[in-house]
Amino acid sequence: MVIYNVTVSIDQAVEQEWLAYMKGAHIQDVLNTGCFLECRLSRVNGEEDGGCTYSVMYLAKDQQTLDQYQAEFAPALQQDHALHFQGKFAAFRTTLTLLEEFKQ
């Protein structure tokens, strides 16, 4: 499994609008590509003044599927996000390879 993590710092003035957009459209659009099994939206605690930071974690079954997403779907979806919130956010993306899960 591969985790595709998008960390977004969003301006407080548009935070609620951004959350509504993410929950109501963007996350479902990403899931509708068929490249991810699930998504988790989390708020990052302890962010700096003037912004709110969130982590959006998508779980892909393997690197090949993530590569397909990034080649075929990511550019248009990222552009749509940028058009909605241009100048009001900063984002960076990381990938993590899930080695093992431990549950209680």
N, C-alpha and C. Protein backbone atom coordinates (compact mmCIF):
# COMPACT_ATOMS: atom_id res chain seq x y z
N MET A 1 0.84 -1.17 0.00
CA MET A 1 0.00 0.00 0.00
C MET A 1 0.89 1.25 0.00
N VAL A 2 0.37 2.29 -0.64
CA VAL A 2 1.08 3.55 -0.72
C VAL A 2 0.14 4.66 -0.25
N ILE A 3 0.65 5.51 0.63
CA ILE A 3 -0.12 6.66 1.09
C ILE A 3 0.35 7.88 0.32
N TYR A 4 -0.59 8.57 -0.27
CA TYR A 4 -0.33 9.83 -0.97
C TYR A 4 -0.86 10.92 -0.06
N ASN A 5 0.05 11.67 0.55
CA ASN A 5 -0.32 12.68 1.53
C ASN A 5 -0.16 14.08 0.93
N VAL A 6 -1.25 14.85 0.98
CA VAL A 6 -1.22 16.23 0.53
C VAL A 6 -1.42 17.11 1.76
N THR A 7 -0.42 17.91 2.09
CA THR A 7 -0.51 18.83 3.21
C THR A 7 -0.83 20.21 2.65
N VAL A 8 -1.90 20.80 3.15
CA VAL A 8 -2.37 22.09 2.64
C VAL A 8 -2.48 23.08 3.78
N SER A 9 -1.84 24.23 3.63
CA SER A 9 -2.01 25.35 4.54
C SER A 9 -2.93 26.33 3.84
N ILE A 10 -4.09 26.58 4.45
CA ILE A 10 -5.12 27.40 3.83
C ILE A 10 -5.34 28.67 4.65
N ASP A 11 -5.55 29.78 3.98
CA ASP A 11 -5.81 31.05 4.63
C ASP A 11 -7.08 30.93 5.48
N GLN A 12 -7.04 31.45 6.70
CA GLN A 12 -8.19 31.37 7.60
C GLN A 12 -9.44 32.00 7.01
N ALA A 13 -9.28 33.01 6.19
CA ALA A 13 -10.43 33.70 5.61
C ALA A 13 -11.26 32.79 4.70
N VAL A 14 -10.66 31.75 4.15
CA VAL A 14 -11.39 30.85 3.25
C VAL A 14 -11.41 29.41 3.77
N GLU A 15 -11.04 29.23 5.02
CA GLU A 15 -10.95 27.87 5.58
C GLU A 15 -12.27 27.11 5.46
N GLN A 16 -13.37 27.70 5.87
CA GLN A 16 -14.65 26.99 5.84
C GLN A 16 -15.09 26.70 4.39
N GLU A 17 -14.85 27.65 3.51
CA GLU A 17 -15.16 27.42 2.09
C GLU A 17 -14.32 26.27 1.54
N TRP A 18 -13.03 26.25 1.92
CA TRP A 18 -12.13 25.19 1.46
C TRP A 18 -12.58 23.83 1.99
N LEU A 19 -12.93 23.77 3.27
CA LEU A 19 -13.40 22.50 3.84
C LEU A 19 -14.65 22.01 3.12
N ALA A 20 -15.58 22.91 2.84
CA ALA A 20 -16.80 22.53 2.13
C ALA A 20 -16.47 22.02 0.73
N TYR A 21 -15.54 22.67 0.05
CA TYR A 21 -15.11 22.25 -1.28
C TYR A 21 -14.45 20.86 -1.22
N MET A 22 -13.57 20.67 -0.26
CA MET A 22 -12.88 19.39 -0.14
C MET A 22 -13.86 18.26 0.16
N LYS A 23 -14.73 18.48 1.14
CA LYS A 23 -15.69 17.44 1.54
C LYS A 23 -16.79 17.22 0.51
N GLY A 24 -17.20 18.30 -0.16
CA GLY A 24 -18.33 18.20 -1.07
C GLY A 24 -17.99 17.88 -2.50
N ALA A 25 -16.73 18.07 -2.89
CA ALA A 25 -16.38 17.87 -4.30
C ALA A 25 -15.01 17.21 -4.49
N HIS A 26 -13.97 17.88 -4.06
CA HIS A 26 -12.62 17.49 -4.47
C HIS A 26 -12.24 16.07 -4.03
N ILE A 27 -12.44 15.74 -2.78
CA ILE A 27 -12.04 14.39 -2.32
C ILE A 27 -12.81 13.33 -3.08
N GLN A 28 -14.11 13.54 -3.29
CA GLN A 28 -14.89 12.55 -4.03
C GLN A 28 -14.43 12.46 -5.48
N ASP A 29 -14.05 13.60 -6.08
CA ASP A 29 -13.52 13.58 -7.44
C ASP A 29 -12.24 12.74 -7.52
N VAL A 30 -11.38 12.88 -6.52
CA VAL A 30 -10.14 12.09 -6.49
C VAL A 30 -10.48 10.61 -6.31
N LEU A 31 -11.37 10.29 -5.40
CA LEU A 31 -11.75 8.89 -5.19
C LEU A 31 -12.43 8.30 -6.44
N ASN A 32 -13.18 9.12 -7.15
CA ASN A 32 -13.87 8.65 -8.36
C ASN A 32 -12.93 8.26 -9.49
N THR A 33 -11.65 8.61 -9.38
CA THR A 33 -10.69 8.18 -10.39
C THR A 33 -10.47 6.67 -10.33
N GLY A 34 -10.82 6.06 -9.21
CA GLY A 34 -10.61 4.63 -9.03
C GLY A 34 -9.20 4.26 -8.61
N CYS A 35 -8.37 5.26 -8.35
CA CYS A 35 -6.98 5.01 -8.01
C CYS A 35 -6.74 4.85 -6.51
N PHE A 36 -7.73 5.19 -5.69
CA PHE A 36 -7.53 5.16 -4.24
C PHE A 36 -8.62 4.35 -3.56
N LEU A 37 -8.25 3.72 -2.46
CA LEU A 37 -9.17 2.89 -1.70
C LEU A 37 -9.94 3.70 -0.66
N GLU A 38 -9.30 4.73 -0.13
CA GLU A 38 -9.93 5.56 0.91
C GLU A 38 -9.18 6.87 1.04
N CYS A 39 -9.77 7.77 1.81
CA CYS A 39 -9.16 9.07 2.08
C CYS A 39 -9.42 9.44 3.53
N ARG A 40 -8.45 10.08 4.14
CA ARG A 40 -8.60 10.61 5.51
C ARG A 40 -8.21 12.08 5.50
N LEU A 41 -9.10 12.91 6.03
CA LEU A 41 -8.87 14.35 6.13
C LEU A 41 -8.62 14.67 7.59
N SER A 42 -7.47 15.29 7.87
CA SER A 42 -7.10 15.61 9.25
C SER A 42 -6.62 17.06 9.33
N ARG A 43 -6.88 17.66 10.47
CA ARG A 43 -6.33 18.98 10.74
C ARG A 43 -5.00 18.79 11.47
N VAL A 44 -3.99 19.54 11.05
CA VAL A 44 -2.68 19.49 11.69
C VAL A 44 -2.73 20.40 12.91
N ASN A 45 -2.41 19.88 14.07
CA ASN A 45 -2.43 20.67 15.30
C ASN A 45 -1.16 21.49 15.42
N GLY A 46 -1.30 22.70 15.99
CA GLY A 46 -0.14 23.54 16.27
C GLY A 46 0.36 24.34 15.09
N GLU A 47 -0.52 24.68 14.14
CA GLU A 47 -0.07 25.46 12.99
C GLU A 47 0.26 26.89 13.40
N GLU A 48 0.96 27.59 12.52
CA GLU A 48 1.37 28.97 12.78
C GLU A 48 0.20 29.92 12.62
N ASP A 49 0.32 31.13 13.17
CA ASP A 49 -0.72 32.15 13.05
C ASP A 49 -0.96 32.50 11.58
N GLY A 50 -2.22 32.76 11.25
CA GLY A 50 -2.56 33.22 9.92
C GLY A 50 -2.95 32.13 8.95
N GLY A 51 -2.85 30.90 9.35
CA GLY A 51 -3.21 29.81 8.45
C GLY A 51 -3.67 28.59 9.20
N CYS A 52 -4.32 27.72 8.50
CA CYS A 52 -4.79 26.45 9.05
C CYS A 52 -4.23 25.36 8.16
N THR A 53 -3.70 24.33 8.76
CA THR A 53 -3.04 23.29 7.98
C THR A 53 -3.79 21.97 8.11
N TYR A 54 -3.93 21.31 6.97
CA TYR A 54 -4.65 20.04 6.90
C TYR A 54 -3.80 19.01 6.16
N SER A 55 -4.04 17.75 6.51
CA SER A 55 -3.43 16.63 5.82
C SER A 55 -4.56 15.84 5.16
N VAL A 56 -4.40 15.57 3.87
CA VAL A 56 -5.36 14.76 3.13
C VAL A 56 -4.60 13.53 2.68
N MET A 57 -4.93 12.37 3.27
CA MET A 57 -4.20 11.14 2.99
C MET A 57 -5.06 10.20 2.16
N TYR A 58 -4.56 9.87 0.98
CA TYR A 58 -5.23 8.93 0.09
C TYR A 58 -4.44 7.62 0.10
N LEU A 59 -5.13 6.50 0.14
CA LEU A 59 -4.49 5.20 0.17
C LEU A 59 -4.64 4.50 -1.17
N ALA A 60 -3.52 4.23 -1.82
CA ALA A 60 -3.50 3.51 -3.10
C ALA A 60 -2.99 2.09 -2.86
N LYS A 61 -3.43 1.16 -3.71
CA LYS A 61 -3.02 -0.23 -3.49
C LYS A 61 -1.54 -0.46 -3.79
N ASP A 62 -0.97 0.35 -4.71
CA ASP A 62 0.45 0.18 -5.04
C ASP A 62 0.98 1.44 -5.74
N GLN A 63 2.28 1.46 -5.95
CA GLN A 63 2.93 2.62 -6.58
C GLN A 63 2.46 2.81 -8.02
N GLN A 64 2.24 1.71 -8.72
CA GLN A 64 1.79 1.80 -10.11
C GLN A 64 0.45 2.53 -10.21
N THR A 65 -0.45 2.26 -9.28
CA THR A 65 -1.75 2.93 -9.28
C THR A 65 -1.59 4.41 -8.96
N LEU A 66 -0.72 4.74 -8.02
CA LEU A 66 -0.45 6.14 -7.70
C LEU A 66 0.18 6.84 -8.90
N ASP A 67 1.10 6.18 -9.57
CA ASP A 67 1.72 6.75 -10.77
C ASP A 67 0.68 7.03 -11.84
N GLN A 68 -0.28 6.12 -12.00
CA GLN A 68 -1.36 6.31 -12.97
C GLN A 68 -2.18 7.55 -12.59
N TYR A 69 -2.51 7.69 -11.30
CA TYR A 69 -3.25 8.87 -10.84
C TYR A 69 -2.49 10.15 -11.18
N GLN A 70 -1.21 10.16 -10.85
CA GLN A 70 -0.42 11.37 -11.05
C GLN A 70 -0.27 11.72 -12.53
N ALA A 71 -0.22 10.72 -13.40
CA ALA A 71 -0.08 10.97 -14.83
C ALA A 71 -1.40 11.37 -15.49
N GLU A 72 -2.48 10.69 -15.13
CA GLU A 72 -3.74 10.85 -15.85
C GLU A 72 -4.72 11.83 -15.22
N PHE A 73 -4.71 11.96 -13.90
CA PHE A 73 -5.76 12.71 -13.23
C PHE A 73 -5.30 13.91 -12.41
N ALA A 74 -4.13 13.81 -11.79
CA ALA A 74 -3.68 14.85 -10.86
C ALA A 74 -3.60 16.24 -11.48
N PRO A 75 -3.05 16.41 -12.68
CA PRO A 75 -2.92 17.78 -13.19
C PRO A 75 -4.25 18.55 -13.25
N ALA A 76 -5.29 17.93 -13.76
CA ALA A 76 -6.59 18.61 -13.87
C ALA A 76 -7.21 18.86 -12.50
N LEU A 77 -7.11 17.89 -11.60
CA LEU A 77 -7.68 18.06 -10.27
C LEU A 77 -6.93 19.13 -9.47
N GLN A 78 -5.62 19.16 -9.59
CA GLN A 78 -4.83 20.18 -8.91
C GLN A 78 -5.11 21.56 -9.49
N GLN A 79 -5.31 21.64 -10.80
CA GLN A 79 -5.63 22.92 -11.43
C GLN A 79 -6.99 23.43 -10.95
N ASP A 80 -7.97 22.54 -10.83
CA ASP A 80 -9.29 22.94 -10.35
C ASP A 80 -9.19 23.50 -8.94
N HIS A 81 -8.43 22.83 -8.08
CA HIS A 81 -8.22 23.30 -6.71
C HIS A 81 -7.56 24.69 -6.73
N ALA A 82 -6.54 24.83 -7.54
CA ALA A 82 -5.81 26.11 -7.61
C ALA A 82 -6.71 27.24 -8.10
N LEU A 83 -7.58 26.95 -9.05
CA LEU A 83 -8.49 27.99 -9.55
C LEU A 83 -9.45 28.46 -8.46
N HIS A 84 -9.89 27.55 -7.62
CA HIS A 84 -10.81 27.90 -6.54
C HIS A 84 -10.13 28.72 -5.43
N PHE A 85 -8.85 28.43 -5.16
CA PHE A 85 -8.20 29.01 -3.98
C PHE A 85 -6.85 29.66 -4.30
N GLN A 86 -6.71 30.16 -5.51
CA GLN A 86 -5.45 30.77 -5.95
C GLN A 86 -4.99 31.86 -4.99
N GLY A 87 -3.74 31.76 -4.57
CA GLY A 87 -3.16 32.75 -3.68
C GLY A 87 -3.57 32.60 -2.22
N LYS A 88 -4.38 31.62 -1.91
CA LYS A 88 -4.90 31.45 -0.54
C LYS A 88 -4.40 30.16 0.11
N PHE A 89 -3.50 29.43 -0.55
CA PHE A 89 -3.03 28.17 0.01
C PHE A 89 -1.60 27.87 -0.43
N ALA A 90 -0.99 26.99 0.32
CA ALA A 90 0.29 26.39 -0.07
C ALA A 90 0.12 24.89 0.15
N ALA A 91 0.66 24.09 -0.75
CA ALA A 91 0.50 22.64 -0.63
C ALA A 91 1.82 21.95 -0.96
N PHE A 92 2.04 20.83 -0.30
CA PHE A 92 3.14 19.97 -0.71
C PHE A 92 2.68 18.52 -0.57
N ARG A 93 3.26 17.68 -1.39
CA ARG A 93 2.83 16.30 -1.49
C ARG A 93 3.97 15.36 -1.15
N THR A 94 3.64 14.30 -0.43
CA THR A 94 4.62 13.26 -0.12
C THR A 94 3.96 11.91 -0.32
N THR A 95 4.78 10.92 -0.56
CA THR A 95 4.29 9.55 -0.64
C THR A 95 4.99 8.72 0.42
N LEU A 96 4.25 7.80 0.96
CA LEU A 96 4.78 6.91 1.99
C LEU A 96 4.42 5.48 1.62
N THR A 97 5.34 4.57 1.79
CA THR A 97 5.07 3.16 1.57
C THR A 97 4.68 2.55 2.90
N LEU A 98 3.48 2.02 2.96
CA LEU A 98 2.99 1.39 4.19
C LEU A 98 3.66 0.03 4.33
N LEU A 99 4.43 -0.12 5.39
CA LEU A 99 5.14 -1.37 5.63
C LEU A 99 4.31 -2.41 6.37
N GLU A 100 3.60 -1.92 7.38
CA GLU A 100 2.83 -2.84 8.22
C GLU A 100 1.83 -2.03 9.03
N GLU A 101 0.69 -2.63 9.33
CA GLU A 101 -0.31 -1.99 10.16
C GLU A 101 -0.42 -2.73 11.49
N PHE A 102 -0.60 -1.98 12.56
CA PHE A 102 -0.80 -2.55 13.88
C PHE A 102 -2.09 -1.98 14.43
N LYS A 103 -3.02 -2.83 14.78
CA LYS A 103 -4.30 -2.38 15.31
C LYS A 103 -4.59 -3.07 16.62
N GLN A 104 -5.33 -2.36 17.46
CA GLN A 104 -5.70 -2.92 18.75
C GLN A 104 -7.13 -3.39 18.69
